[in-house]
Amino acid sequence: MERSFVNAVMSAPEGRTRPRRTKGKGVFTKDILFGMNILTLAGFVLMGLTLTLNRMGQVRKALSIGLMAAGTALVFLGLYAGGWSS
């Protein structure tokens, strides 16, 4: 007796033809240092760089505020993307 394609799919192990996807962590959300991911670390580095440039007098006030806001946004984005630690 010949089996059709439909029967072959239905007789696949556990009714699946594709392997299950495992939930993996992305590169940006993987914990790197002290539970912080790359996005959070980049935010802190950007804020530290902003403070240093501001103290040296290399940047104007508007650029300093913009860089600090971008660093803060990266920190919060890293916390959000990484999820809460258990």
N, C-alpha and C. Protein backbone atom coordinates (compact mmCIF):
# COMPACT_ATOMS: atom_id res chain seq x y z
N MET A 1 0.84 -1.18 0.00
CA MET A 1 0.00 0.00 0.00
C MET A 1 0.89 1.24 0.00
N GLU A 2 0.58 2.18 -0.86
CA GLU A 2 1.38 3.39 -1.01
C GLU A 2 0.93 4.45 -0.01
N ARG A 3 1.93 5.13 0.59
CA ARG A 3 1.61 6.21 1.53
C ARG A 3 1.71 7.55 0.82
N SER A 4 0.77 8.38 1.07
CA SER A 4 0.80 9.70 0.45
C SER A 4 1.60 10.66 1.32
N PHE A 5 1.83 11.86 0.79
CA PHE A 5 2.58 12.88 1.52
C PHE A 5 1.86 13.26 2.81
N VAL A 6 0.55 13.34 2.77
CA VAL A 6 -0.22 13.71 3.96
C VAL A 6 -0.03 12.68 5.05
N ASN A 7 -0.06 11.42 4.70
CA ASN A 7 0.15 10.38 5.70
C ASN A 7 1.56 10.43 6.27
N ALA A 8 2.54 10.79 5.45
CA ALA A 8 3.92 10.88 5.93
C ALA A 8 4.06 12.00 6.94
N VAL A 9 3.39 13.12 6.69
CA VAL A 9 3.47 14.24 7.62
C VAL A 9 2.74 13.90 8.91
N MET A 10 1.62 13.27 8.81
CA MET A 10 0.85 12.92 9.99
C MET A 10 1.56 11.87 10.84
N SER A 11 2.39 11.05 10.21
CA SER A 11 3.07 10.01 10.97
C SER A 11 4.44 10.45 11.46
N ALA A 12 4.75 11.74 11.31
CA ALA A 12 6.03 12.25 11.81
C ALA A 12 6.05 12.14 13.33
N PRO A 13 7.22 12.03 13.93
CA PRO A 13 7.31 11.90 15.38
C PRO A 13 6.62 13.07 16.09
N GLU A 14 5.78 12.77 17.01
CA GLU A 14 5.04 13.73 17.81
C GLU A 14 4.24 14.71 16.96
N GLY A 15 3.91 14.35 15.72
CA GLY A 15 3.11 15.20 14.86
C GLY A 15 3.83 16.44 14.37
N ARG A 16 5.16 16.49 14.51
CA ARG A 16 5.92 17.67 14.09
C ARG A 16 6.81 17.30 12.92
N THR A 17 7.05 18.27 12.06
CA THR A 17 8.02 18.05 10.99
C THR A 17 9.23 18.97 11.17
N ARG A 18 9.10 20.02 11.98
CA ARG A 18 10.21 20.93 12.24
C ARG A 18 10.66 20.79 13.68
N PRO A 19 11.95 20.93 13.93
CA PRO A 19 12.40 20.89 15.33
C PRO A 19 11.92 22.12 16.08
N ARG A 20 11.72 21.96 17.37
CA ARG A 20 11.28 23.08 18.19
C ARG A 20 12.38 24.10 18.31
N ARG A 21 11.97 25.35 18.37
CA ARG A 21 12.94 26.42 18.60
C ARG A 21 13.17 26.57 20.09
N THR A 22 14.41 26.64 20.47
CA THR A 22 14.71 26.88 21.86
C THR A 22 14.87 28.37 22.06
N LYS A 23 14.47 28.84 23.19
CA LYS A 23 14.56 30.26 23.47
C LYS A 23 15.97 30.58 23.92
N GLY A 24 16.73 31.18 23.03
CA GLY A 24 18.11 31.54 23.34
C GLY A 24 18.22 33.03 23.61
N LYS A 25 19.30 33.41 24.28
CA LYS A 25 19.54 34.82 24.55
C LYS A 25 20.34 35.41 23.41
N GLY A 26 19.97 36.61 22.99
CA GLY A 26 20.68 37.29 21.93
C GLY A 26 22.00 37.85 22.43
N VAL A 27 22.78 38.33 21.52
CA VAL A 27 24.10 38.87 21.86
C VAL A 27 23.96 40.10 22.74
N PHE A 28 22.99 40.96 22.45
CA PHE A 28 22.85 42.20 23.20
C PHE A 28 22.25 41.99 24.58
N THR A 29 21.56 40.88 24.80
CA THR A 29 20.90 40.65 26.08
C THR A 29 21.62 39.62 26.93
N LYS A 30 22.74 39.12 26.47
CA LYS A 30 23.51 38.14 27.24
C LYS A 30 24.28 38.86 28.35
N ASP A 31 24.23 38.32 29.57
CA ASP A 31 24.95 38.93 30.68
C ASP A 31 26.45 38.86 30.45
N ILE A 32 27.11 40.01 30.55
CA ILE A 32 28.54 40.09 30.30
C ILE A 32 29.32 40.30 31.60
N LEU A 33 28.98 41.35 32.34
CA LEU A 33 29.75 41.74 33.51
C LEU A 33 28.80 42.13 34.63
N PHE A 34 28.89 41.45 35.76
CA PHE A 34 28.07 41.72 36.94
C PHE A 34 26.58 41.74 36.63
N GLY A 35 26.15 40.87 35.74
CA GLY A 35 24.74 40.77 35.40
C GLY A 35 24.25 41.83 34.42
N MET A 36 25.17 42.62 33.89
CA MET A 36 24.77 43.65 32.93
C MET A 36 25.05 43.17 31.51
N ASN A 37 24.16 43.54 30.60
CA ASN A 37 24.35 43.15 29.22
C ASN A 37 25.08 44.26 28.46
N ILE A 38 25.32 44.02 27.18
CA ILE A 38 26.10 44.95 26.36
C ILE A 38 25.43 46.32 26.26
N LEU A 39 24.10 46.36 26.14
CA LEU A 39 23.40 47.63 26.02
C LEU A 39 23.55 48.47 27.28
N THR A 40 23.42 47.84 28.44
CA THR A 40 23.56 48.56 29.70
C THR A 40 24.99 49.06 29.88
N LEU A 41 25.96 48.22 29.57
CA LEU A 41 27.36 48.64 29.68
C LEU A 41 27.67 49.78 28.72
N ALA A 42 27.14 49.73 27.51
CA ALA A 42 27.37 50.81 26.55
C ALA A 42 26.76 52.12 27.06
N GLY A 43 25.62 52.04 27.71
CA GLY A 43 25.00 53.24 28.28
C GLY A 43 25.86 53.86 29.37
N PHE A 44 26.40 53.02 30.26
CA PHE A 44 27.26 53.55 31.32
C PHE A 44 28.56 54.12 30.76
N VAL A 45 29.11 53.48 29.74
CA VAL A 45 30.33 53.99 29.11
C VAL A 45 30.05 55.34 28.45
N LEU A 46 28.93 55.46 27.77
CA LEU A 46 28.57 56.72 27.13
C LEU A 46 28.37 57.83 28.15
N MET A 47 27.74 57.52 29.28
CA MET A 47 27.55 58.53 30.31
C MET A 47 28.88 58.92 30.94
N GLY A 48 29.77 57.97 31.16
CA GLY A 48 31.09 58.28 31.68
C GLY A 48 31.91 59.12 30.72
N LEU A 49 31.83 58.80 29.45
CA LEU A 49 32.51 59.60 28.42
C LEU A 49 31.96 61.02 28.38
N THR A 50 30.65 61.16 28.54
CA THR A 50 30.03 62.48 28.56
C THR A 50 30.53 63.31 29.74
N LEU A 51 30.60 62.69 30.92
CA LEU A 51 31.10 63.40 32.09
C LEU A 51 32.55 63.84 31.89
N THR A 52 33.35 62.95 31.32
CA THR A 52 34.76 63.27 31.10
C THR A 52 34.91 64.42 30.10
N LEU A 53 34.20 64.36 28.99
CA LEU A 53 34.28 65.42 27.99
C LEU A 53 33.75 66.75 28.53
N ASN A 54 32.72 66.67 29.36
CA ASN A 54 32.16 67.88 29.95
C ASN A 54 33.15 68.53 30.92
N ARG A 55 33.82 67.74 31.72
CA ARG A 55 34.80 68.28 32.67
C ARG A 55 36.03 68.85 31.97
N MET A 56 36.37 68.28 30.82
CA MET A 56 37.51 68.79 30.06
C MET A 56 37.14 70.02 29.24
N GLY A 57 35.86 70.32 29.14
CA GLY A 57 35.41 71.46 28.37
C GLY A 57 35.42 71.20 26.87
N GLN A 58 35.34 69.96 26.45
CA GLN A 58 35.40 69.60 25.04
C GLN A 58 34.05 69.67 24.33
N VAL A 59 32.96 69.61 25.08
CA VAL A 59 31.63 69.61 24.45
C VAL A 59 30.78 70.73 25.03
N ARG A 60 29.80 71.16 24.25
CA ARG A 60 28.87 72.18 24.73
C ARG A 60 27.78 71.54 25.57
N LYS A 61 27.03 72.39 26.22
CA LYS A 61 26.00 71.92 27.15
C LYS A 61 24.92 71.09 26.45
N ALA A 62 24.46 71.52 25.28
CA ALA A 62 23.40 70.82 24.57
C ALA A 62 23.85 69.42 24.15
N LEU A 63 25.07 69.30 23.64
CA LEU A 63 25.59 67.99 23.26
C LEU A 63 25.79 67.10 24.49
N SER A 64 26.22 67.71 25.58
CA SER A 64 26.40 66.95 26.82
C SER A 64 25.07 66.38 27.31
N ILE A 65 24.03 67.18 27.25
CA ILE A 65 22.70 66.71 27.68
C ILE A 65 22.20 65.62 26.75
N GLY A 66 22.43 65.78 25.46
CA GLY A 66 22.01 64.76 24.48
C GLY A 66 22.73 63.44 24.68
N LEU A 67 24.03 63.50 24.90
CA LEU A 67 24.79 62.26 25.12
C LEU A 67 24.39 61.58 26.42
N MET A 68 24.13 62.37 27.46
CA MET A 68 23.71 61.78 28.73
C MET A 68 22.33 61.14 28.60
N ALA A 69 21.45 61.76 27.85
CA ALA A 69 20.12 61.19 27.61
C ALA A 69 20.22 59.89 26.81
N ALA A 70 21.11 59.87 25.82
CA ALA A 70 21.30 58.65 25.02
C ALA A 70 21.87 57.53 25.89
N GLY A 71 22.80 57.86 26.77
CA GLY A 71 23.35 56.85 27.68
C GLY A 71 22.30 56.30 28.63
N THR A 72 21.47 57.18 29.15
CA THR A 72 20.39 56.74 30.04
C THR A 72 19.40 55.86 29.30
N ALA A 73 19.08 56.23 28.06
CA ALA A 73 18.17 55.41 27.26
C ALA A 73 18.76 54.03 27.00
N LEU A 74 20.06 53.96 26.74
CA LEU A 74 20.70 52.66 26.53
C LEU A 74 20.66 51.80 27.79
N VAL A 75 20.86 52.41 28.95
CA VAL A 75 20.79 51.66 30.21
C VAL A 75 19.40 51.08 30.40
N PHE A 76 18.37 51.90 30.22
CA PHE A 76 17.00 51.40 30.39
C PHE A 76 16.63 50.37 29.33
N LEU A 77 17.09 50.58 28.10
CA LEU A 77 16.83 49.61 27.05
C LEU A 77 17.50 48.27 27.37
N GLY A 78 18.72 48.33 27.90
CA GLY A 78 19.40 47.10 28.30
C GLY A 78 18.69 46.38 29.43
N LEU A 79 18.16 47.13 30.38
CA LEU A 79 17.41 46.50 31.46
C LEU A 79 16.12 45.88 30.95
N TYR A 80 15.45 46.58 30.04
CA TYR A 80 14.20 46.06 29.49
C TYR A 80 14.44 44.83 28.61
N ALA A 81 15.44 44.90 27.74
CA ALA A 81 15.71 43.81 26.81
C ALA A 81 16.23 42.57 27.53
N GLY A 82 16.98 42.78 28.59
CA GLY A 82 17.55 41.64 29.32
C GLY A 82 16.56 40.93 30.21
N GLY A 83 15.46 41.58 30.54
CA GLY A 83 14.50 40.98 31.45
C GLY A 83 14.98 41.14 32.89
N TRP A 84 14.12 40.80 33.79
CA TRP A 84 14.48 40.94 35.20
C TRP A 84 15.18 39.68 35.67
N SER A 85 16.21 39.85 36.46
CA SER A 85 16.95 38.70 37.00
C SER A 85 16.11 38.00 38.04
N SER A 86 16.27 36.69 38.09
CA SER A 86 15.49 35.93 39.08
C SER A 86 16.33 35.58 40.27
